[in-house]
Amino acid sequence: MLETVKYLLGSAGPSGFGSKSTAEQVTDYCPDLRSITAIITGATSGIGAETARVLAKRGARLVLPARSLKAAEDSKARILSEFPESDIIVMPLDLSSFFSVRKFVADFRSLNLPLHLLINNAGKFTQEHAISEDGIEMTFATNYLGHFLLTKLLVTKMVETAKSTGVQGRIVNVSSSIHSWFSGDPISYLSSITRSRSHYDATRAYALSKLANVLHTKELAQRLQEEMEANVTVNCVHPGIVRTRLTRERDGLITGSRYNLQTYTHVAVQIWCSFWLPSSSKPSLRLLRRLATWQLIRDS
């Protein structure tokens, strides 16, 4: 409770920043990012849009993948109006589609660009039960599997870039403390909501996808260090209570009250803190390894 009060008051945390800090303030420590190429999913609004804007201000080359090219082009135009010299590439990507993810990666590789920073920020909260084109529950397909496959296909490029440039690569997975709301067997629940809408609960499905993000981060951190010996770190972040399009359409008294408490999207602090802080230590990963052996993930 005390930590929540401190957060709402804007008190600085261990990183030296709080809920009233802005992304620009955090990046004062790295004013020149002209050597950096970054991919940011979900950069058309909210946290992703502010992250992209500040990275552009610091000189980074941006790759903005989006399901809606118009929304991505609009984001690009807004950034260019403020920072005309920005190097921004817009590319199509539907994270709920394995085919789209693979095509995006192939198209990105054809550009022969380095890759220093991957921010897996895009998120989906599906009130109504839906199934992706690959036959997977839509929230899990978008929030976890799409980013899992995207990271899997790009991590070699990031390792190569870090080795050739000497600049440490960073992967940032945006999750949520809501991951702790999930209880029960994840594989069983995922299978049941993939087969039928009768057991579907939107909040529980979202919590499962965020739990998978956390566990994937921890497993990948271990593999990068122990198996690949890569100069690439991966971090998972809870962005706090931030006003974004993800939550504004959720119904109910509790979620409505929470919306009124939300901070404005000038704050992308947790993303930036994670960008500079070390990777996670090695916890128990039994649940992640169960997810990692699930047929749909293995076949991806």
Protein backbone atom coordinates (compact mmCIF):
# COMPACT_ATOMS: atom_id res chain seq x y z
CA MET A 1 0.00 0.00 0.00
CA LEU A 2 2.79 2.41 0.91
CA GLU A 3 4.51 1.82 -2.42
CA THR A 4 1.24 2.55 -4.25
CA VAL A 5 0.83 5.84 -2.39
CA LYS A 6 4.42 6.78 -3.19
CA TYR A 7 3.78 5.96 -6.85
CA LEU A 8 0.66 8.12 -7.00
CA LEU A 9 2.54 10.99 -5.34
CA GLY A 10 5.34 10.70 -7.87
CA SER A 11 8.06 9.71 -5.41
CA ALA A 12 11.25 8.43 -7.01
CA GLY A 13 11.87 4.70 -6.93
CA PRO A 14 15.16 2.75 -6.91
CA SER A 15 15.90 3.96 -10.44
CA GLY A 16 15.73 7.60 -9.36
CA PHE A 17 12.52 8.21 -11.31
CA GLY A 18 8.83 8.17 -10.41
CA SER A 19 5.37 8.36 -11.99
CA LYS A 20 5.79 12.09 -12.69
CA SER A 21 9.07 11.63 -14.53
CA THR A 22 8.97 11.86 -18.30
CA ALA A 23 10.74 9.81 -20.93
CA GLU A 24 12.70 12.91 -21.90
CA GLN A 25 14.00 13.28 -18.35
CA VAL A 26 15.05 9.65 -18.21
CA THR A 27 16.85 9.86 -21.56
CA ASP A 28 18.86 12.89 -20.51
CA TYR A 29 21.43 10.21 -19.63
CA CYS A 30 21.67 9.18 -23.29
CA PRO A 31 21.20 12.34 -25.38
CA ASP A 32 22.74 10.92 -28.57
CA LEU A 33 21.28 7.69 -29.97
CA ARG A 34 22.14 8.28 -33.62
CA SER A 35 23.92 4.93 -33.83
CA ILE A 36 20.86 3.01 -32.61
CA THR A 37 18.23 1.22 -34.69
CA ALA A 38 15.05 0.39 -32.78
CA ILE A 39 11.91 -1.61 -33.55
CA ILE A 40 8.89 -0.61 -31.47
CA THR A 41 5.59 -2.47 -31.70
CA GLY A 42 2.45 -0.60 -30.71
CA ALA A 43 4.00 2.77 -31.49
CA THR A 44 0.87 4.37 -32.91
CA SER A 45 -0.51 5.45 -29.53
CA GLY A 46 0.08 5.53 -25.80
CA ILE A 47 3.37 4.41 -24.30
CA GLY A 48 4.70 3.20 -27.64
CA ALA A 49 4.05 6.53 -29.34
CA GLU A 50 5.81 8.51 -26.60
CA THR A 51 8.71 6.07 -26.58
CA ALA A 52 9.08 6.46 -30.35
CA ARG A 53 8.89 10.24 -30.12
CA VAL A 54 11.65 10.49 -27.51
CA LEU A 55 13.87 7.95 -29.26
CA ALA A 56 13.51 10.04 -32.41
CA LYS A 57 14.39 13.17 -30.46
CA ARG A 58 17.61 11.46 -29.35
CA GLY A 59 18.43 10.55 -32.94
CA ALA A 60 17.63 6.83 -33.13
CA ARG A 61 16.49 5.26 -36.38
CA LEU A 62 12.97 3.92 -35.85
CA VAL A 63 11.18 0.99 -37.43
CA LEU A 64 7.47 1.23 -36.65
CA PRO A 65 5.54 -1.95 -37.49
CA ALA A 66 1.76 -1.70 -37.31
CA ARG A 67 -1.38 -3.50 -38.39
CA SER A 68 -2.75 -0.16 -39.62
CA LEU A 69 -0.28 1.49 -41.96
CA LYS A 70 -2.32 4.69 -41.85
CA ALA A 71 -1.97 4.87 -38.07
CA ALA A 72 1.77 4.23 -38.38
CA GLU A 73 2.14 6.88 -41.08
CA ASP A 74 0.24 9.33 -38.88
CA SER A 75 2.63 8.58 -36.01
CA LYS A 76 5.57 9.08 -38.33
CA ALA A 77 4.16 12.41 -39.51
CA ARG A 78 3.69 13.64 -35.93
CA ILE A 79 7.28 12.79 -35.06
CA LEU A 80 8.65 14.37 -38.24
CA SER A 81 6.70 17.55 -37.57
CA GLU A 82 8.62 17.87 -34.30
CA PHE A 83 11.94 16.33 -35.38
CA PRO A 84 12.26 16.73 -39.18
CA GLU A 85 15.61 14.93 -39.42
CA SER A 86 14.24 11.70 -37.96
CA ASP A 87 14.83 8.44 -39.83
CA ILE A 88 11.57 6.49 -39.56
CA ILE A 89 10.54 3.37 -41.46
CA VAL A 90 6.91 2.19 -41.42
CA MET A 91 6.19 -1.48 -42.10
CA PRO A 92 3.08 -3.70 -41.91
CA LEU A 93 2.78 -6.20 -39.06
CA ASP A 94 -0.16 -8.08 -37.57
CA LEU A 95 1.15 -9.74 -34.42
CA SER A 96 -1.77 -12.16 -34.29
CA SER A 97 -0.58 -13.74 -37.56
CA PHE A 98 2.49 -15.98 -37.77
CA PHE A 99 2.62 -15.33 -41.51
CA SER A 100 2.64 -11.56 -40.99
CA VAL A 101 5.38 -11.78 -38.35
CA ARG A 102 7.57 -13.89 -40.62
CA LYS A 103 7.01 -11.51 -43.55
CA PHE A 104 7.86 -8.49 -41.43
CA VAL A 105 11.13 -10.06 -40.30
CA ALA A 106 12.02 -11.04 -43.87
CA ASP A 107 11.28 -7.50 -45.08
CA PHE A 108 13.30 -5.98 -42.24
CA ARG A 109 16.27 -8.23 -42.94
CA SER A 110 16.16 -7.19 -46.60
CA LEU A 111 16.94 -3.62 -45.48
CA ASN A 112 20.36 -4.78 -44.20
CA LEU A 113 20.05 -2.64 -41.08
CA PRO A 114 21.54 -3.36 -37.65
CA LEU A 115 19.19 -3.91 -34.72
CA HIS A 116 20.09 -2.66 -31.26
CA LEU A 117 16.74 -2.29 -29.54
CA LEU A 118 13.49 -4.27 -29.71
CA ILE A 119 10.58 -2.96 -27.66
CA ASN A 120 7.68 -5.43 -27.60
CA ASN A 121 5.04 -2.97 -26.49
CA ALA A 122 1.88 -3.72 -28.49
CA GLY A 123 -1.00 -5.17 -26.51
CA LYS A 124 -4.58 -6.27 -27.00
CA PHE A 125 -7.44 -6.73 -24.54
CA THR A 126 -10.24 -8.59 -26.30
CA GLN A 127 -13.62 -8.26 -24.57
CA GLU A 128 -15.23 -10.71 -26.97
CA HIS A 129 -13.85 -14.18 -27.57
CA ALA A 130 -11.96 -14.38 -30.88
CA ILE A 131 -9.63 -16.81 -32.61
CA SER A 132 -6.63 -15.82 -34.74
CA GLU A 133 -6.05 -17.05 -38.28
CA ASP A 134 -3.67 -19.62 -36.79
CA GLY A 135 -6.41 -21.03 -34.57
CA ILE A 136 -5.26 -19.46 -31.29
CA GLU A 137 -7.18 -17.34 -28.79
CA MET A 138 -6.67 -13.76 -29.98
CA THR A 139 -5.33 -12.09 -26.83
CA PHE A 140 -2.68 -14.76 -26.30
CA ALA A 141 -1.84 -14.83 -30.01
CA THR A 142 -1.26 -11.07 -30.13
CA ASN A 143 0.25 -10.27 -26.75
CA TYR A 144 2.50 -13.29 -26.36
CA LEU A 145 2.89 -15.59 -29.36
CA GLY A 146 3.35 -12.78 -31.88
CA HIS A 147 6.06 -11.15 -29.79
CA PHE A 148 7.58 -14.54 -28.96
CA LEU A 149 7.98 -15.36 -32.65
CA LEU A 150 9.13 -11.83 -33.52
CA THR A 151 11.84 -11.99 -30.86
CA LYS A 152 12.85 -15.51 -31.83
CA LEU A 153 13.34 -14.46 -35.46
CA LEU A 154 15.20 -11.23 -34.63
CA VAL A 155 17.43 -12.26 -31.74
CA THR A 156 20.20 -13.57 -34.01
CA LYS A 157 20.32 -10.20 -35.78
CA MET A 158 20.56 -8.48 -32.41
CA VAL A 159 23.38 -10.75 -31.25
CA GLU A 160 25.25 -10.11 -34.52
CA THR A 161 24.75 -6.35 -34.20
CA ALA A 162 26.00 -6.29 -30.62
CA LYS A 163 29.06 -8.32 -31.57
CA SER A 164 29.98 -6.18 -34.58
CA THR A 165 29.33 -2.78 -32.98
CA GLY A 166 30.20 -3.40 -29.34
CA VAL A 167 26.89 -1.79 -28.36
CA GLN A 168 24.83 -3.90 -26.00
CA GLY A 169 21.47 -4.92 -27.45
CA ARG A 170 18.29 -4.52 -25.45
CA ILE A 171 14.97 -6.35 -25.65
CA VAL A 172 12.14 -4.84 -23.61
CA ASN A 173 8.90 -6.78 -23.08
CA VAL A 174 6.05 -4.64 -21.79
CA SER A 175 3.93 -6.77 -19.47
CA SER A 176 1.67 -5.89 -16.54
CA SER A 177 1.31 -6.63 -12.85
CA ILE A 178 -2.02 -8.14 -13.88
CA HIS A 179 0.02 -11.24 -14.73
CA SER A 180 -0.27 -12.11 -11.03
CA TRP A 181 -4.06 -12.33 -11.33
CA PHE A 182 -3.86 -15.57 -13.28
CA SER A 183 -4.36 -18.78 -11.34
CA GLY A 184 -4.78 -22.36 -12.42
CA ASP A 185 -3.11 -24.40 -15.12
CA PRO A 186 -2.13 -22.11 -18.02
CA ILE A 187 -1.93 -24.80 -20.68
CA SER A 188 -5.29 -26.26 -19.75
CA TYR A 189 -6.97 -22.85 -19.70
CA LEU A 190 -5.40 -21.76 -22.97
CA SER A 191 -6.49 -24.97 -24.64
CA SER A 192 -10.05 -24.59 -23.35
CA ILE A 193 -10.50 -20.99 -24.52
CA THR A 194 -8.92 -21.83 -27.85
CA ARG A 195 -11.43 -24.63 -28.37
CA SER A 196 -14.52 -22.88 -27.01
CA ARG A 197 -15.84 -19.49 -25.91
CA SER A 198 -17.75 -20.97 -22.96
CA HIS A 199 -14.80 -20.67 -20.54
CA TYR A 200 -13.52 -17.34 -21.88
CA ASP A 201 -12.89 -14.54 -19.42
CA ALA A 202 -11.29 -11.44 -20.96
CA THR A 203 -9.34 -10.39 -17.87
CA ARG A 204 -8.08 -13.89 -17.16
CA ALA A 205 -7.00 -14.34 -20.79
CA TYR A 206 -5.15 -11.01 -20.67
CA ALA A 207 -3.49 -11.97 -17.37
CA LEU A 208 -2.31 -15.25 -18.90
CA SER A 209 -0.77 -13.44 -21.88
CA LYS A 210 1.08 -11.08 -19.54
CA LEU A 211 2.27 -13.98 -17.39
CA ALA A 212 3.67 -15.60 -20.52
CA ASN A 213 5.51 -12.34 -21.31
CA VAL A 214 7.15 -12.38 -17.88
CA LEU A 215 8.16 -16.02 -18.05
CA HIS A 216 9.46 -15.69 -21.60
CA THR A 217 11.63 -12.78 -20.48
CA LYS A 218 13.15 -14.76 -17.63
CA GLU A 219 13.86 -17.79 -19.79
CA LEU A 220 15.32 -15.72 -22.62
CA ALA A 221 17.54 -13.81 -20.17
CA GLN A 222 19.03 -17.08 -19.02
CA ARG A 223 19.55 -18.41 -22.53
CA LEU A 224 21.17 -15.20 -23.75
CA GLN A 225 23.67 -15.31 -20.92
CA GLU A 226 24.37 -19.01 -20.51
CA GLU A 227 23.82 -20.56 -23.93
CA MET A 228 24.46 -17.77 -26.41
CA GLU A 229 26.92 -15.69 -24.35
CA ALA A 230 25.35 -12.71 -26.09
CA ASN A 231 25.88 -9.03 -25.37
CA VAL A 232 22.10 -8.61 -25.38
CA THR A 233 19.89 -8.17 -22.34
CA VAL A 234 16.16 -8.67 -22.00
CA ASN A 235 13.93 -6.96 -19.45
CA CYS A 236 10.25 -7.14 -18.61
CA VAL A 237 8.40 -4.08 -17.32
CA HIS A 238 5.12 -3.16 -15.70
CA PRO A 239 4.28 0.31 -17.07
CA GLY A 240 2.25 1.34 -14.06
CA ILE A 241 -1.17 2.94 -14.44
CA VAL A 242 -1.00 4.72 -17.76
CA ARG A 243 -3.88 6.13 -19.80
CA THR A 244 -3.86 4.28 -23.13
CA ARG A 245 -6.31 2.96 -25.70
CA LEU A 246 -5.87 -0.53 -24.26
CA THR A 247 -7.86 0.24 -21.08
CA ARG A 248 -10.20 3.04 -22.05
CA GLU A 249 -12.84 0.69 -23.50
CA ARG A 250 -13.00 -1.61 -20.48
CA ASP A 251 -16.29 -1.50 -18.59
CA GLY A 252 -17.10 -1.51 -14.90
CA LEU A 253 -16.76 0.58 -11.77
CA ILE A 254 -13.30 -0.64 -10.78
CA THR A 255 -11.75 -0.23 -14.20
CA GLY A 256 -13.50 3.10 -14.63
CA SER A 257 -12.15 4.38 -11.31
CA ARG A 258 -8.71 3.12 -12.21
CA TYR A 259 -8.93 5.01 -15.51
CA ASN A 260 -9.53 8.24 -13.62
CA LEU A 261 -6.32 7.66 -11.65
CA GLN A 262 -4.23 6.97 -14.70
CA THR A 263 -1.21 9.09 -15.45
CA TYR A 264 -0.84 10.71 -18.84
CA THR A 265 1.17 9.23 -21.66
CA HIS A 266 4.05 11.68 -21.42
CA VAL A 267 5.29 9.06 -18.98
CA ALA A 268 7.06 6.06 -20.44
CA VAL A 269 9.33 5.81 -17.45
CA GLN A 270 9.33 2.11 -16.72
CA ILE A 271 10.29 1.33 -20.30
CA TRP A 272 13.22 3.69 -20.09
CA CYS A 273 14.30 2.45 -16.67
CA SER A 274 14.32 -1.10 -17.97
CA PHE A 275 16.31 0.00 -21.00
CA TRP A 276 19.22 0.97 -18.77
CA LEU A 277 18.92 -1.53 -15.90
CA PRO A 278 20.51 -5.02 -15.89
CA SER A 279 18.63 -8.15 -16.92
CA SER A 280 16.67 -10.22 -14.46
CA SER A 281 18.30 -12.87 -12.33
CA LYS A 282 17.51 -16.53 -12.88
CA PRO A 283 14.32 -17.63 -11.08
CA SER A 284 12.41 -20.90 -11.30
CA LEU A 285 11.27 -21.34 -14.90
CA ARG A 286 9.22 -24.54 -14.74
CA LEU A 287 6.01 -22.87 -15.93
CA LEU A 288 7.71 -21.07 -18.81
CA ARG A 289 9.27 -24.30 -19.98
CA ARG A 290 5.83 -25.87 -20.03
CA LEU A 291 4.64 -23.01 -22.22
CA ALA A 292 7.74 -23.29 -24.40
CA THR A 293 6.98 -26.93 -25.15
CA TRP A 294 3.38 -26.22 -26.13
CA GLN A 295 2.83 -27.47 -29.67
CA LEU A 296 1.84 -24.16 -31.25
CA ILE A 297 4.93 -22.41 -29.88
CA ARG A 298 7.26 -25.23 -30.79
CA ASP A 299 5.94 -25.31 -34.35
CA SER A 300 6.28 -21.54 -34.76
